Structures are given as structure tokens and as C-alpha cells.
Amino acid sequence: MADRVMSPRPSLDEIRAWPPTVSVTRAALALGVSRALAYRAIDEGKFPVETVRVGKKLSVLTVSLIRVLQGKA
């Protein structure tokens, strides 16, 4: 089995350059949690970042992610 290489956690400046919405996977990386934990928290209404659903796709609002990471949420 191949080792999985985790991407480094992005800086706040890098996140500020992201598009207005990002995937749950990308937001989870920024928050330092697994994708599975992020989806579980969303399902339980405990994810600290705002999400939007367009059709079947669930996305995270980047501005909300930035607020949480700055401790302003």
C-alpha cells in the first residue's frame, strides 16, 4: 500500500486568494481536519464554516473559512 502524502496546510494569505467557494476537502485541509470529519460535522450541524449547496454539490464559503481561522466566527 502506498503512503499518502498530505498537502501542507495553507496559510491564511493563500486562503485569501482562493475563489469565493471551495470544496469541503479543501476547507478541511485548511482547518486541519480530515475530509471525513468535516462531512460528519456538516451532517451533525457542527461544522464551524458556512456551506452552500448548488444542486448536489456542497461547497464552503471562503469568507466564512477565513473568519473562523481568524477567530472571528
PDB file of N, CA and C in Angstrom:
ATOM      1  N   MET A   1       0.835  -1.177   0.000  1.00  0.00           N
ATOM      2  CA  MET A   1       0.000   0.000   0.000  1.00  0.00           C
ATOM      3  C   MET A   1       0.881   1.241   0.000  1.00  0.00           C
ATOM      4  N   ALA A   2       0.571   2.171  -0.872  1.00  0.00           N
ATOM      5  CA  ALA A   2       1.383   3.382  -0.983  1.00  0.00           C
ATOM      6  C   ALA A   2       1.066   4.338   0.160  1.00  0.00           C
ATOM      7  N   ASP A   3       2.091   5.038   0.601  1.00  0.00           N
ATOM      8  CA  ASP A   3       1.884   6.048   1.633  1.00  0.00           C
ATOM      9  C   ASP A   3       1.179   7.250   1.027  1.00  0.00           C
ATOM     10  N   ARG A   4       0.239   7.796   1.768  1.00  0.00           N
ATOM     11  CA  ARG A   4      -0.445   9.003   1.309  1.00  0.00           C
ATOM     12  C   ARG A   4       0.353  10.205   1.768  1.00  0.00           C
ATOM     13  N   VAL A   5       0.561  11.124   0.881  1.00  0.00           N
ATOM     14  CA  VAL A   5       1.281  12.342   1.212  1.00  0.00           C
ATOM     15  C   VAL A   5       0.255  13.436   1.437  1.00  0.00           C
ATOM     16  N   MET A   6       0.257  13.984   2.624  1.00  0.00           N
ATOM     17  CA  MET A   6      -0.683  15.052   2.951  1.00  0.00           C
ATOM     18  C   MET A   6      -0.127  16.381   2.443  1.00  0.00           C
ATOM     19  N   SER A   7      -0.983  17.170   1.863  1.00  0.00           N
ATOM     20  CA  SER A   7      -0.585  18.505   1.435  1.00  0.00           C
ATOM     21  C   SER A   7      -0.379  19.350   2.683  1.00  0.00           C
ATOM     22  N   PRO A   8       0.546  20.278   2.611  1.00  0.00           N
ATOM     23  CA  PRO A   8       0.725  21.156   3.772  1.00  0.00           C
ATOM     24  C   PRO A   8      -0.496  22.050   3.950  1.00  0.00           C
ATOM     25  N   ARG A   9      -0.743  22.398   5.173  1.00  0.00           N
ATOM     26  CA  ARG A   9      -1.870  23.278   5.474  1.00  0.00           C
ATOM     27  C   ARG A   9      -1.606  24.652   4.867  1.00  0.00           C
ATOM     28  N   PRO A  10      -2.553  25.215   4.153  1.00  0.00           N
ATOM     29  CA  PRO A  10      -2.331  26.521   3.507  1.00  0.00           C
ATOM     30  C   PRO A  10      -2.290  27.645   4.536  1.00  0.00           C
ATOM     31  N   SER A  11      -1.566  28.693   4.189  1.00  0.00           N
ATOM     32  CA  SER A  11      -1.505  29.871   5.055  1.00  0.00           C
ATOM     33  C   SER A  11      -2.779  30.691   4.867  1.00  0.00           C
ATOM     34  N   LEU A  12      -3.013  31.590   5.780  1.00  0.00           N
ATOM     35  CA  LEU A  12      -4.182  32.464   5.687  1.00  0.00           C
ATOM     36  C   LEU A  12      -4.092  33.340   4.433  1.00  0.00           C
ATOM     37  N   ASP A  13      -2.901  33.785   4.086  1.00  0.00           N
ATOM     38  CA  ASP A  13      -2.734  34.583   2.860  1.00  0.00           C
ATOM     39  C   ASP A  13      -3.088  33.760   1.624  1.00  0.00           C
ATOM     40  N   GLU A  14      -2.707  32.495   1.598  1.00  0.00           N
ATOM     41  CA  GLU A  14      -3.056  31.628   0.469  1.00  0.00           C
ATOM     42  C   GLU A  14      -4.567  31.439   0.389  1.00  0.00           C
ATOM     43  N   ILE A  15      -5.203  31.251   1.531  1.00  0.00           N
ATOM     44  CA  ILE A  15      -6.654  31.045   1.566  1.00  0.00           C
ATOM     45  C   ILE A  15      -7.382  32.297   1.087  1.00  0.00           C
ATOM     46  N   ARG A  16      -6.870  33.459   1.423  1.00  0.00           N
ATOM     47  CA  ARG A  16      -7.493  34.717   0.965  1.00  0.00           C
ATOM     48  C   ARG A  16      -7.511  34.817  -0.560  1.00  0.00           C
ATOM     49  N   ALA A  17      -6.595  34.130  -1.223  1.00  0.00           N
ATOM     50  CA  ALA A  17      -6.526  34.159  -2.687  1.00  0.00           C
ATOM     51  C   ALA A  17      -7.409  33.089  -3.331  1.00  0.00           C
ATOM     52  N   TRP A  18      -8.047  32.255  -2.527  1.00  0.00           N
ATOM     53  CA  TRP A  18      -8.917  31.204  -3.056  1.00  0.00           C
ATOM     54  C   TRP A  18     -10.174  31.822  -3.665  1.00  0.00           C
ATOM     55  N   PRO A  19     -10.876  31.060  -4.504  1.00  0.00           N
ATOM     56  CA  PRO A  19     -12.152  31.548  -5.057  1.00  0.00           C
ATOM     57  C   PRO A  19     -13.203  31.691  -3.954  1.00  0.00           C
ATOM     58  N   PRO A  20     -14.337  32.315  -4.248  1.00  0.00           N
ATOM     59  CA  PRO A  20     -15.373  32.555  -3.230  1.00  0.00           C
ATOM     60  C   PRO A  20     -15.888  31.296  -2.537  1.00  0.00           C
ATOM     61  N   THR A  21     -15.919  30.185  -3.243  1.00  0.00           N
ATOM     62  CA  THR A  21     -16.309  28.920  -2.614  1.00  0.00           C
ATOM     63  C   THR A  21     -15.264  27.864  -2.954  1.00  0.00           C
ATOM     64  N   VAL A  22     -15.085  26.925  -2.022  1.00  0.00           N
ATOM     65  CA  VAL A  22     -14.132  25.830  -2.216  1.00  0.00           C
ATOM     66  C   VAL A  22     -14.779  24.524  -1.779  1.00  0.00           C
ATOM     67  N   SER A  23     -14.139  23.434  -2.133  1.00  0.00           N
ATOM     68  CA  SER A  23     -14.659  22.118  -1.753  1.00  0.00           C
ATOM     69  C   SER A  23     -14.535  21.891  -0.251  1.00  0.00           C
ATOM     70  N   VAL A  24     -15.327  20.994   0.240  1.00  0.00           N
ATOM     71  CA  VAL A  24     -15.247  20.612   1.648  1.00  0.00           C
ATOM     72  C   VAL A  24     -13.862  20.030   1.940  1.00  0.00           C
ATOM     73  N   THR A  25     -13.318  19.282   1.001  1.00  0.00           N
ATOM     74  CA  THR A  25     -11.990  18.688   1.175  1.00  0.00           C
ATOM     75  C   THR A  25     -10.929  19.769   1.362  1.00  0.00           C
ATOM     76  N   ARG A  26     -10.998  20.803   0.547  1.00  0.00           N
ATOM     77  CA  ARG A  26     -10.018  21.891   0.650  1.00  0.00           C
ATOM     78  C   ARG A  26     -10.186  22.657   1.959  1.00  0.00           C
ATOM     79  N   ALA A  27     -11.413  22.891   2.364  1.00  0.00           N
ATOM     80  CA  ALA A  27     -11.672  23.574   3.632  1.00  0.00           C
ATOM     81  C   ALA A  27     -11.193  22.732   4.809  1.00  0.00           C
ATOM     82  N   ALA A  28     -11.408  21.428   4.732  1.00  0.00           N
ATOM     83  CA  ALA A  28     -10.947  20.537   5.800  1.00  0.00           C
ATOM     84  C   ALA A  28      -9.434  20.624   5.953  1.00  0.00           C
ATOM     85  N   LEU A  29      -8.719  20.658   4.840  1.00  0.00           N
ATOM     86  CA  LEU A  29      -7.267  20.793   4.880  1.00  0.00           C
ATOM     87  C   LEU A  29      -6.879  22.085   5.585  1.00  0.00           C
ATOM     88  N   ALA A  30      -7.553  23.177   5.258  1.00  0.00           N
ATOM     89  CA  ALA A  30      -7.259  24.469   5.874  1.00  0.00           C
ATOM     90  C   ALA A  30      -7.526  24.454   7.377  1.00  0.00           C
ATOM     91  N   LEU A  31      -8.545  23.699   7.781  1.00  0.00           N
ATOM     92  CA  LEU A  31      -8.900  23.607   9.199  1.00  0.00           C
ATOM     93  C   LEU A  31      -8.077  22.565   9.947  1.00  0.00           C
ATOM     94  N   GLY A  32      -7.347  21.753   9.202  1.00  0.00           N
ATOM     95  CA  GLY A  32      -6.515  20.735   9.838  1.00  0.00           C
ATOM     96  C   GLY A  32      -7.288  19.514  10.294  1.00  0.00           C
ATOM     97  N   VAL A  33      -8.391  19.220   9.605  1.00  0.00           N
ATOM     98  CA  VAL A  33      -9.191  18.033   9.931  1.00  0.00           C
ATOM     99  C   VAL A  33      -9.330  17.168   8.686  1.00  0.00           C
ATOM    100  N   SER A  34      -9.739  15.950   8.881  1.00  0.00           N
ATOM    101  CA  SER A  34      -9.928  15.055   7.738  1.00  0.00           C
ATOM    102  C   SER A  34     -11.207  15.405   6.989  1.00  0.00           C
ATOM    103  N   ARG A  35     -11.254  14.981   5.757  1.00  0.00           N
ATOM    104  CA  ARG A  35     -12.448  15.160   4.924  1.00  0.00           C
ATOM    105  C   ARG A  35     -13.651  14.472   5.582  1.00  0.00           C
ATOM    106  N   ALA A  36     -13.415  13.267   6.089  1.00  0.00           N
ATOM    107  CA  ALA A  36     -14.498  12.507   6.729  1.00  0.00           C
ATOM    108  C   ALA A  36     -15.037  13.237   7.950  1.00  0.00           C
ATOM    109  N   LEU A  37     -14.149  13.793   8.759  1.00  0.00           N
ATOM    110  CA  LEU A  37     -14.592  14.524   9.947  1.00  0.00           C
ATOM    111  C   LEU A  37     -15.364  15.774   9.544  1.00  0.00           C
ATOM    112  N   ALA A  38     -14.913  16.447   8.492  1.00  0.00           N
ATOM    113  CA  ALA A  38     -15.614  17.646   8.024  1.00  0.00           C
ATOM    114  C   ALA A  38     -17.039  17.303   7.593  1.00  0.00           C
ATOM    115  N   TYR A  39     -17.192  16.245   6.789  1.00  0.00           N
ATOM    116  CA  TYR A  39     -18.533  15.856   6.340  1.00  0.00           C
ATOM    117  C   TYR A  39     -19.403  15.403   7.518  1.00  0.00           C
ATOM    118  N   ARG A  40     -18.822  14.719   8.471  1.00  0.00           N
ATOM    119  CA  ARG A  40     -19.581  14.291   9.652  1.00  0.00           C
ATOM    120  C   ARG A  40     -20.074  15.520  10.422  1.00  0.00           C
ATOM    121  N   ALA A  41     -19.197  16.507  10.603  1.00  0.00           N
ATOM    122  CA  ALA A  41     -19.575  17.734  11.310  1.00  0.00           C
ATOM    123  C   ALA A  41     -20.668  18.486  10.558  1.00  0.00           C
ATOM    124  N   ILE A  42     -20.585  18.500   9.237  1.00  0.00           N
ATOM    125  CA  ILE A  42     -21.629  19.158   8.437  1.00  0.00           C
ATOM    126  C   ILE A  42     -22.957  18.439   8.653  1.00  0.00           C
ATOM    127  N   ASP A  43     -22.934  17.114   8.567  1.00  0.00           N
ATOM    128  CA  ASP A  43     -24.159  16.325   8.755  1.00  0.00           C
ATOM    129  C   ASP A  43     -24.780  16.546  10.129  1.00  0.00           C
ATOM    130  N   GLU A  44     -23.926  16.764  11.138  1.00  0.00           N
ATOM    131  CA  GLU A  44     -24.404  16.961  12.509  1.00  0.00           C
ATOM    132  C   GLU A  44     -24.691  18.431  12.838  1.00  0.00           C
ATOM    133  N   GLY A  45     -24.489  19.313  11.858  1.00  0.00           N
ATOM    134  CA  GLY A  45     -24.725  20.740  12.091  1.00  0.00           C
ATOM    135  C   GLY A  45     -23.674  21.383  12.971  1.00  0.00           C
ATOM    136  N   LYS A  46     -22.475  20.797  13.033  1.00  0.00           N
ATOM    137  CA  LYS A  46     -21.418  21.296  13.923  1.00  0.00           C
ATOM    138  C   LYS A  46     -20.205  21.852  13.179  1.00  0.00           C
ATOM    139  N   PHE A  47     -20.280  21.924  11.855  1.00  0.00           N
ATOM    140  CA  PHE A  47     -19.146  22.442  11.088  1.00  0.00           C
ATOM    141  C   PHE A  47     -19.098  23.947  11.304  1.00  0.00           C
ATOM    142  N   PRO A  48     -17.950  24.509  11.670  1.00  0.00           N
ATOM    143  CA  PRO A  48     -17.897  25.929  12.040  1.00  0.00           C
ATOM    144  C   PRO A  48     -17.924  26.896  10.867  1.00  0.00           C
ATOM    145  N   VAL A  49     -17.947  26.381   9.657  1.00  0.00           N
ATOM    146  CA  VAL A  49     -17.871  27.212   8.465  1.00  0.00           C
ATOM    147  C   VAL A  49     -19.164  27.078   7.662  1.00  0.00           C
ATOM    148  N   GLU A  50     -19.599  28.187   7.065  1.00  0.00           N
ATOM    149  CA  GLU A  50     -20.833  28.164   6.273  1.00  0.00           C
ATOM    150  C   GLU A  50     -20.649  27.376   4.986  1.00  0.00           C
ATOM    151  N   THR A  51     -21.656  26.592   4.666  1.00  0.00           N
ATOM    152  CA  THR A  51     -21.646  25.825   3.431  1.00  0.00           C
ATOM    153  C   THR A  51     -22.852  26.210   2.584  1.00  0.00           C
ATOM    154  N   VAL A  52     -22.733  25.973   1.286  1.00  0.00           N
ATOM    155  CA  VAL A  52     -23.839  26.207   0.362  1.00  0.00           C
ATOM    156  C   VAL A  52     -23.954  24.990  -0.546  1.00  0.00           C
ATOM    157  N   ARG A  53     -25.167  24.682  -0.912  1.00  0.00           N
ATOM    158  CA  ARG A  53     -25.397  23.556  -1.813  1.00  0.00           C
ATOM    159  C   ARG A  53     -25.962  24.098  -3.118  1.00  0.00           C
ATOM    160  N   VAL A  54     -25.298  23.726  -4.198  1.00  0.00           N
ATOM    161  CA  VAL A  54     -25.780  24.065  -5.533  1.00  0.00           C
ATOM    162  C   VAL A  54     -26.004  22.738  -6.227  1.00  0.00           C
ATOM    163  N   GLY A  55     -27.279  22.391  -6.393  1.00  0.00           N
ATOM    164  CA  GLY A  55     -27.597  21.060  -6.907  1.00  0.00           C
ATOM    165  C   GLY A  55     -27.145  20.021  -5.906  1.00  0.00           C
ATOM    166  N   LYS A  56     -26.315  19.103  -6.342  1.00  0.00           N
ATOM    167  CA  LYS A  56     -25.805  18.064  -5.445  1.00  0.00           C
ATOM    168  C   LYS A  56     -24.463  18.432  -4.819  1.00  0.00           C
ATOM    169  N   LYS A  57     -23.839  19.508  -5.313  1.00  0.00           N
ATOM    170  CA  LYS A  57     -22.504  19.881  -4.853  1.00  0.00           C
ATOM    171  C   LYS A  57     -22.564  20.742  -3.598  1.00  0.00           C
ATOM    172  N   LEU A  58     -21.789  20.358  -2.597  1.00  0.00           N
ATOM    173  CA  LEU A  58     -21.680  21.112  -1.348  1.00  0.00           C
ATOM    174  C   LEU A  58     -20.360  21.866  -1.374  1.00  0.00           C
ATOM    175  N   SER A  59     -20.417  23.162  -1.136  1.00  0.00           N
ATOM    176  CA  SER A  59     -19.214  23.991  -1.135  1.00  0.00           C
ATOM    177  C   SER A  59     -19.143  24.785   0.153  1.00  0.00           C
ATOM    178  N   VAL A  60     -17.953  25.270   0.448  1.00  0.00           N
ATOM    179  CA  VAL A  60     -17.693  26.067   1.648  1.00  0.00           C
ATOM    180  C   VAL A  60     -17.436  27.505   1.220  1.00  0.00           C
ATOM    181  N   LEU A  61     -18.023  28.449   1.951  1.00  0.00           N
ATOM    182  CA  LEU A  61     -17.791  29.868   1.666  1.00  0.00           C
ATOM    183  C   LEU A  61     -16.412  30.254   2.198  1.00  0.00           C
ATOM    184  N   THR A  62     -15.557  30.699   1.309  1.00  0.00           N
ATOM    185  CA  THR A  62     -14.183  31.029   1.699  1.00  0.00           C
ATOM    186  C   THR A  62     -14.156  32.138   2.740  1.00  0.00           C
ATOM    187  N   VAL A  63     -14.994  33.134   2.607  1.00  0.00           N
ATOM    188  CA  VAL A  63     -15.014  34.236   3.580  1.00  0.00           C
ATOM    189  C   VAL A  63     -15.355  33.715   4.980  1.00  0.00           C
ATOM    190  N   SER A  64     -16.229  32.733   5.077  1.00  0.00           N
ATOM    191  CA  SER A  64     -16.567  32.148   6.365  1.00  0.00           C
ATOM    192  C   SER A  64     -15.379  31.361   6.926  1.00  0.00           C
ATOM    193  N   LEU A  65     -14.680  30.656   6.058  1.00  0.00           N
ATOM    194  CA  LEU A  65     -13.485  29.907   6.471  1.00  0.00           C
ATOM    195  C   LEU A  65     -12.431  30.866   7.018  1.00  0.00           C
ATOM    196  N   ILE A  66     -12.242  31.989   6.351  1.00  0.00           N
ATOM    197  CA  ILE A  66     -11.255  32.980   6.801  1.00  0.00           C
ATOM    198  C   ILE A  66     -11.643  33.521   8.169  1.00  0.00           C
ATOM    199  N   ARG A  67     -12.943  33.827   8.357  1.00  0.00           N
ATOM    200  CA  ARG A  67     -13.400  34.334   9.671  1.00  0.00           C
ATOM    201  C   ARG A  67     -13.100  33.337  10.781  1.00  0.00           C
ATOM    202  N   VAL A  68     -13.377  32.063  10.524  1.00  0.00           N
ATOM    203  CA  VAL A  68     -13.126  31.036  11.547  1.00  0.00           C
ATOM    204  C   VAL A  68     -11.635  30.952  11.855  1.00  0.00           C
ATOM    205  N   LEU A  69     -10.811  30.964  10.828  1.00  0.00           N
ATOM    206  CA  LEU A  69      -9.375  30.843  11.040  1.00  0.00           C
ATOM    207  C   LEU A  69      -8.792  32.066  11.746  1.00  0.00           C
ATOM    208  N   GLN A  70      -9.435  33.218  11.617  1.00  0.00           N
ATOM    209  CA  GLN A  70      -9.003  34.415  12.305  1.00  0.00           C
ATOM    210  C   GLN A  70      -9.580  34.498  13.720  1.00  0.00           C
ATOM    211  N   GLY A  71     -10.455  33.564  14.047  1.00  0.00           N
ATOM    212  CA  GLY A  71     -11.077  33.571  15.374  1.00  0.00           C
ATOM    213  C   GLY A  71     -12.190  34.577  15.488  1.00  0.00           C
ATOM    214  N   LYS A  72     -12.784  34.972  14.374  1.00  0.00           N
ATOM    215  CA  LYS A  72     -13.843  35.997  14.379  1.00  0.00           C
ATOM    216  C   LYS A  72     -15.225  35.409  14.158  1.00  0.00           C
ATOM    217  N   ALA A  73     -15.340  34.096  14.160  1.00  0.00           N
ATOM    218  CA  ALA A  73     -16.647  33.491  13.897  1.00  0.00           C
ATOM    219  C   ALA A  73     -17.335  33.119  15.186  1.00  0.00           C
TER     220      ALA A  73
END
